[in-house]
Amino acid sequence: MRWQKLQIGGQLAGRAALGAGISFAIARALNLDSPIFALIASVIVTDRDPAETRKLAIRRVISTAIGAACGVVLAQVLGQSSWEAAIAIFVAMMLSIAVTQLGDPKLAAYLAALIIINYGDNPFHYAFYRFVETVIGIVVAWAISLVPKLLDIEEEDENKDQDEKKA
């Protein structure tokens, strides 16, 4: 059982690492401000089940747009303190949940908070580049999820294993 979990985890780690490297290389080749955010987004959105990565891709892009928009709008009225970042996180997550039905509100929150905390003189410019970098990461993770698994390993149902031990 441990070997099986290690194999499943290895496939996840491999997809996440490959996606991160490709995302970073693309963002760097495009001379984007902070290519590290493409790398981070790719790792964050890579799911254990490639089908889940594919299923949530569009919702995650929408959540990213919501986070960018919330960050820009809220940067006009909020400062850059931790409490104001917390407010931006809450607002962005609630809007994302309302629109995408749990597509990935964490992406909206992460982007809104980044904008609130780091925007400098021009929140729109900062938000635009973080949005583009994050979308690159999402698209690359989605593309990698289309590649068939190297090994078709099914996760055993832990409840089934416990029931068998009791019998």
C-alpha atoms as a PDB file:
ATOM      1  CA  MET A   1       0.000   0.000   0.000  1.00  0.00           C
ATOM      2  CA  ARG A   2       2.810   2.444   0.802  1.00  0.00           C
ATOM      3  CA  TRP A   3       4.513   1.637  -2.490  1.00  0.00           C
ATOM      4  CA  GLN A   4       1.278   2.374  -4.343  1.00  0.00           C
ATOM      5  CA  LYS A   5       0.888   5.755  -2.605  1.00  0.00           C
ATOM      6  CA  LEU A   6       4.506   6.547  -3.420  1.00  0.00           C
ATOM      7  CA  GLN A   7       3.883   5.740  -7.085  1.00  0.00           C
ATOM      8  CA  ILE A   8       0.760   7.904  -7.169  1.00  0.00           C
ATOM      9  CA  GLY A   9       2.595  10.703  -5.387  1.00  0.00           C
ATOM     10  CA  GLY A  10       5.529  10.313  -7.771  1.00  0.00           C
ATOM     11  CA  GLN A  11       3.284  10.841 -10.762  1.00  0.00           C
ATOM     12  CA  LEU A  12       1.790  13.953  -9.139  1.00  0.00           C
ATOM     13  CA  ALA A  13       5.254  15.253  -8.272  1.00  0.00           C
ATOM     14  CA  GLY A  14       6.490  14.578 -11.792  1.00  0.00           C
ATOM     15  CA  ARG A  15       3.569  16.393 -13.424  1.00  0.00           C
ATOM     16  CA  ALA A  16       3.865  19.324 -11.002  1.00  0.00           C
ATOM     17  CA  ALA A  17       7.630  19.608 -11.501  1.00  0.00           C
ATOM     18  CA  LEU A  18       7.393  19.400 -15.281  1.00  0.00           C
ATOM     19  CA  GLY A  19       4.562  21.959 -15.358  1.00  0.00           C
ATOM     20  CA  ALA A  20       6.458  24.287 -13.053  1.00  0.00           C
ATOM     21  CA  GLY A  21       9.609  24.128 -15.155  1.00  0.00           C
ATOM     22  CA  ILE A  22       7.775  24.690 -18.423  1.00  0.00           C
ATOM     23  CA  SER A  23       5.647  27.513 -16.971  1.00  0.00           C
ATOM     24  CA  PHE A  24       8.709  29.260 -15.592  1.00  0.00           C
ATOM     25  CA  ALA A  25      10.553  28.906 -18.909  1.00  0.00           C
ATOM     26  CA  ILE A  26       7.610  30.318 -20.886  1.00  0.00           C
ATOM     27  CA  ALA A  27       7.140  33.279 -18.525  1.00  0.00           C
ATOM     28  CA  ARG A  28      10.856  33.977 -18.573  1.00  0.00           C
ATOM     29  CA  ALA A  29      10.996  33.749 -22.389  1.00  0.00           C
ATOM     30  CA  LEU A  30       8.153  36.284 -22.549  1.00  0.00           C
ATOM     31  CA  ASN A  31      10.158  38.590 -20.254  1.00  0.00           C
ATOM     32  CA  LEU A  32       7.326  38.784 -17.744  1.00  0.00           C
ATOM     33  CA  ASP A  33       7.935  40.684 -14.507  1.00  0.00           C
ATOM     34  CA  SER A  34       7.951  37.721 -12.125  1.00  0.00           C
ATOM     35  CA  PRO A  35       8.019  34.319 -13.846  1.00  0.00           C
ATOM     36  CA  ILE A  36       8.069  32.640 -10.443  1.00  0.00           C
ATOM     37  CA  PHE A  37       4.290  33.186 -10.233  1.00  0.00           C
ATOM     38  CA  ALA A  38       3.772  31.008 -13.333  1.00  0.00           C
ATOM     39  CA  LEU A  39       5.765  28.272 -11.621  1.00  0.00           C
ATOM     40  CA  ILE A  40       3.778  28.622  -8.386  1.00  0.00           C
ATOM     41  CA  ALA A  41       0.418  28.560 -10.181  1.00  0.00           C
ATOM     42  CA  SER A  42       1.329  25.424 -12.104  1.00  0.00           C
ATOM     43  CA  VAL A  43       2.207  23.577  -8.906  1.00  0.00           C
ATOM     44  CA  ILE A  44      -0.899  24.821  -7.077  1.00  0.00           C
ATOM     45  CA  VAL A  45      -3.353  23.723  -9.789  1.00  0.00           C
ATOM     46  CA  THR A  46      -1.852  20.309 -10.536  1.00  0.00           C
ATOM     47  CA  ASP A  47      -4.203  17.775  -8.977  1.00  0.00           C
ATOM     48  CA  ARG A  48      -3.587  14.123  -8.120  1.00  0.00           C
ATOM     49  CA  ASP A  49      -6.173  13.200 -10.698  1.00  0.00           C
ATOM     50  CA  PRO A  50      -5.301  14.686 -14.119  1.00  0.00           C
ATOM     51  CA  ALA A  51      -9.009  14.696 -14.993  1.00  0.00           C
ATOM     52  CA  GLU A  52      -9.602  17.067 -12.056  1.00  0.00           C
ATOM     53  CA  THR A  53      -6.907  19.425 -13.365  1.00  0.00           C
ATOM     54  CA  ARG A  54      -8.653  19.462 -16.755  1.00  0.00           C
ATOM     55  CA  LYS A  55     -12.131  19.821 -15.263  1.00  0.00           C
ATOM     56  CA  LEU A  56     -11.243  22.846 -13.134  1.00  0.00           C
ATOM     57  CA  ALA A  57      -8.995  24.709 -15.617  1.00  0.00           C
ATOM     58  CA  ILE A  58     -11.596  27.202 -16.886  1.00  0.00           C
ATOM     59  CA  ARG A  59     -12.972  27.838 -13.394  1.00  0.00           C
ATOM     60  CA  ARG A  60      -9.433  28.471 -12.180  1.00  0.00           C
ATOM     61  CA  VAL A  61      -8.823  31.021 -14.936  1.00  0.00           C
ATOM     62  CA  ILE A  62     -12.093  32.725 -13.971  1.00  0.00           C
ATOM     63  CA  SER A  63     -11.048  32.703 -10.294  1.00  0.00           C
ATOM     64  CA  THR A  64      -7.727  34.235 -11.300  1.00  0.00           C
ATOM     65  CA  ALA A  65      -9.541  37.025 -13.157  1.00  0.00           C
ATOM     66  CA  ILE A  66     -11.778  37.594 -10.129  1.00  0.00           C
ATOM     67  CA  GLY A  67      -8.737  37.800  -7.867  1.00  0.00           C
ATOM     68  CA  ALA A  68      -7.018  40.281 -10.176  1.00  0.00           C
ATOM     69  CA  ALA A  69     -10.140  42.434 -10.419  1.00  0.00           C
ATOM     70  CA  CYS A  70     -10.707  42.361  -6.655  1.00  0.00           C
ATOM     71  CA  GLY A  71      -7.096  43.259  -6.033  1.00  0.00           C
ATOM     72  CA  VAL A  72      -7.220  46.244  -8.382  1.00  0.00           C
ATOM     73  CA  VAL A  73     -10.544  47.534  -7.065  1.00  0.00           C
ATOM     74  CA  LEU A  74      -9.699  47.001  -3.406  1.00  0.00           C
ATOM     75  CA  ALA A  75      -6.230  48.544  -3.838  1.00  0.00           C
ATOM     76  CA  GLN A  76      -8.058  51.801  -4.532  1.00  0.00           C
ATOM     77  CA  VAL A  77      -9.655  51.817  -1.085  1.00  0.00           C
ATOM     78  CA  LEU A  78      -7.459  49.611   1.101  1.00  0.00           C
ATOM     79  CA  GLY A  79      -3.905  49.990   2.261  1.00  0.00           C
ATOM     80  CA  GLN A  80      -1.226  47.341   2.333  1.00  0.00           C
ATOM     81  CA  SER A  81      -1.580  45.932   5.852  1.00  0.00           C
ATOM     82  CA  SER A  82      -2.145  42.315   6.771  1.00  0.00           C
ATOM     83  CA  TRP A  83      -5.745  43.046   7.775  1.00  0.00           C
ATOM     84  CA  GLU A  84      -6.474  44.695   4.460  1.00  0.00           C
ATOM     85  CA  ALA A  85      -4.951  41.709   2.655  1.00  0.00           C
ATOM     86  CA  ALA A  86      -7.240  39.496   4.753  1.00  0.00           C
ATOM     87  CA  ILE A  87     -10.253  41.554   3.645  1.00  0.00           C
ATOM     88  CA  ALA A  88      -9.173  41.184   0.010  1.00  0.00           C
ATOM     89  CA  ILE A  89      -8.775  37.430   0.466  1.00  0.00           C
ATOM     90  CA  PHE A  90     -12.251  37.110   1.947  1.00  0.00           C
ATOM     91  CA  VAL A  91     -13.927  39.207  -0.756  1.00  0.00           C
ATOM     92  CA  ALA A  92     -12.078  37.482  -3.608  1.00  0.00           C
ATOM     93  CA  MET A  93     -12.841  33.996  -2.270  1.00  0.00           C
ATOM     94  CA  MET A  94     -16.526  34.746  -1.742  1.00  0.00           C
ATOM     95  CA  LEU A  95     -16.897  36.188  -5.251  1.00  0.00           C
ATOM     96  CA  SER A  96     -15.003  33.264  -6.743  1.00  0.00           C
ATOM     97  CA  ILE A  97     -17.185  30.759  -4.892  1.00  0.00           C
ATOM     98  CA  ALA A  98     -20.329  32.568  -6.010  1.00  0.00           C
ATOM     99  CA  VAL A  99     -19.244  32.573  -9.659  1.00  0.00           C
ATOM    100  CA  THR A 100     -17.334  29.289 -10.077  1.00  0.00           C
ATOM    101  CA  GLN A 101     -18.945  27.107  -7.410  1.00  0.00           C
ATOM    102  CA  LEU A 102     -15.640  26.238  -5.737  1.00  0.00           C
ATOM    103  CA  GLY A 103     -13.601  26.229  -8.968  1.00  0.00           C
ATOM    104  CA  ASP A 104     -10.599  27.316  -6.946  1.00  0.00           C
ATOM    105  CA  PRO A 105     -11.218  30.307  -4.724  1.00  0.00           C
ATOM    106  CA  LYS A 106      -7.682  30.005  -3.348  1.00  0.00           C
ATOM    107  CA  LEU A 107      -6.321  31.337  -6.647  1.00  0.00           C
ATOM    108  CA  ALA A 108      -8.571  34.378  -6.412  1.00  0.00           C
ATOM    109  CA  ALA A 109      -7.460  34.914  -2.819  1.00  0.00           C
ATOM    110  CA  TYR A 110      -3.767  34.514  -3.542  1.00  0.00           C
ATOM    111  CA  LEU A 111      -3.853  36.961  -6.427  1.00  0.00           C
ATOM    112  CA  ALA A 112      -5.970  39.575  -4.635  1.00  0.00           C
ATOM    113  CA  ALA A 113      -3.658  39.470  -1.611  1.00  0.00           C
ATOM    114  CA  LEU A 114      -0.546  39.743  -3.785  1.00  0.00           C
ATOM    115  CA  ILE A 115      -1.954  42.831  -5.439  1.00  0.00           C
ATOM    116  CA  ILE A 116      -2.974  44.458  -2.160  1.00  0.00           C
ATOM    117  CA  ILE A 117       0.400  43.815  -0.552  1.00  0.00           C
ATOM    118  CA  ASN A 118       2.755  44.447  -3.494  1.00  0.00           C
ATOM    119  CA  TYR A 119       1.109  46.648  -6.104  1.00  0.00           C
ATOM    120  CA  GLY A 120       3.364  49.712  -5.777  1.00  0.00           C
ATOM    121  CA  ASP A 121       2.258  52.732  -7.785  1.00  0.00           C
ATOM    122  CA  ASN A 122       0.147  50.946 -10.387  1.00  0.00           C
ATOM    123  CA  PRO A 123      -2.142  48.137  -9.168  1.00  0.00           C
ATOM    124  CA  PHE A 124      -3.538  47.517 -12.658  1.00  0.00           C
ATOM    125  CA  HIS A 125      -0.075  46.899 -14.133  1.00  0.00           C
ATOM    126  CA  TYR A 126       0.853  44.622 -11.248  1.00  0.00           C
ATOM    127  CA  ALA A 127      -2.479  42.730 -11.495  1.00  0.00           C
ATOM    128  CA  PHE A 128      -2.171  42.309 -15.267  1.00  0.00           C
ATOM    129  CA  TYR A 129       1.232  40.651 -15.036  1.00  0.00           C
ATOM    130  CA  ARG A 130       0.263  38.425 -12.093  1.00  0.00           C
ATOM    131  CA  PHE A 131      -2.871  37.389 -14.017  1.00  0.00           C
ATOM    132  CA  VAL A 132      -0.881  36.511 -17.154  1.00  0.00           C
ATOM    133  CA  GLU A 133       1.757  34.611 -15.185  1.00  0.00           C
ATOM    134  CA  THR A 134      -0.879  32.676 -13.232  1.00  0.00           C
ATOM    135  CA  VAL A 135      -2.816  31.796 -16.393  1.00  0.00           C
ATOM    136  CA  ILE A 136       0.388  30.480 -17.974  1.00  0.00           C
ATOM    137  CA  GLY A 137       0.788  28.146 -14.994  1.00  0.00           C
ATOM    138  CA  ILE A 138      -2.834  26.987 -15.229  1.00  0.00           C
ATOM    139  CA  VAL A 139      -2.654  26.382 -18.991  1.00  0.00           C
ATOM    140  CA  VAL A 140       0.594  24.430 -18.729  1.00  0.00           C
ATOM    141  CA  ALA A 141      -0.785  22.275 -15.882  1.00  0.00           C
ATOM    142  CA  TRP A 142      -3.901  21.665 -17.987  1.00  0.00           C
ATOM    143  CA  ALA A 143      -1.789  20.683 -21.012  1.00  0.00           C
ATOM    144  CA  ILE A 144       0.279  18.262 -18.957  1.00  0.00           C
ATOM    145  CA  SER A 145      -2.904  16.709 -17.581  1.00  0.00           C
ATOM    146  CA  LEU A 146      -3.701  15.655 -21.164  1.00  0.00           C
ATOM    147  CA  VAL A 147      -0.628  13.406 -21.237  1.00  0.00           C
ATOM    148  CA  PRO A 148      -1.617   9.865 -20.240  1.00  0.00           C
ATOM    149  CA  LYS A 149      -0.431   8.603 -16.897  1.00  0.00           C
ATOM    150  CA  LEU A 150       2.799   6.631 -17.101  1.00  0.00           C
ATOM    151  CA  LEU A 151       1.332   3.923 -14.918  1.00  0.00           C
ATOM    152  CA  ASP A 152      -2.362   3.361 -14.420  1.00  0.00           C
ATOM    153  CA  ILE A 153      -2.396   3.031 -10.657  1.00  0.00           C
ATOM    154  CA  GLU A 154      -5.734   3.038  -8.944  1.00  0.00           C
ATOM    155  CA  GLU A 155      -5.933   4.277  -5.372  1.00  0.00           C
ATOM    156  CA  GLU A 156      -7.333   1.694  -3.055  1.00  0.00           C
ATOM    157  CA  ASP A 157     -10.281   2.733  -1.020  1.00  0.00           C
ATOM    158  CA  GLU A 158      -8.963   3.050   2.551  1.00  0.00           C
ATOM    159  CA  ASN A 159     -12.388   2.225   3.977  1.00  0.00           C
ATOM    160  CA  LYS A 160     -12.418  -1.002   1.975  1.00  0.00           C
ATOM    161  CA  ASP A 161      -9.008  -1.950   3.390  1.00  0.00           C
ATOM    162  CA  GLN A 162     -10.194  -1.286   6.941  1.00  0.00           C
ATOM    163  CA  ASP A 163     -13.367  -3.332   6.380  1.00  0.00           C
ATOM    164  CA  GLU A 164     -11.302  -6.252   5.074  1.00  0.00           C
ATOM    165  CA  LYS A 165      -9.039  -6.119   8.137  1.00  0.00           C
ATOM    166  CA  LYS A 166     -12.073  -6.264  10.443  1.00  0.00           C
ATOM    167  CA  ALA A 167     -13.532  -9.299   8.647  1.00  0.00           C
END
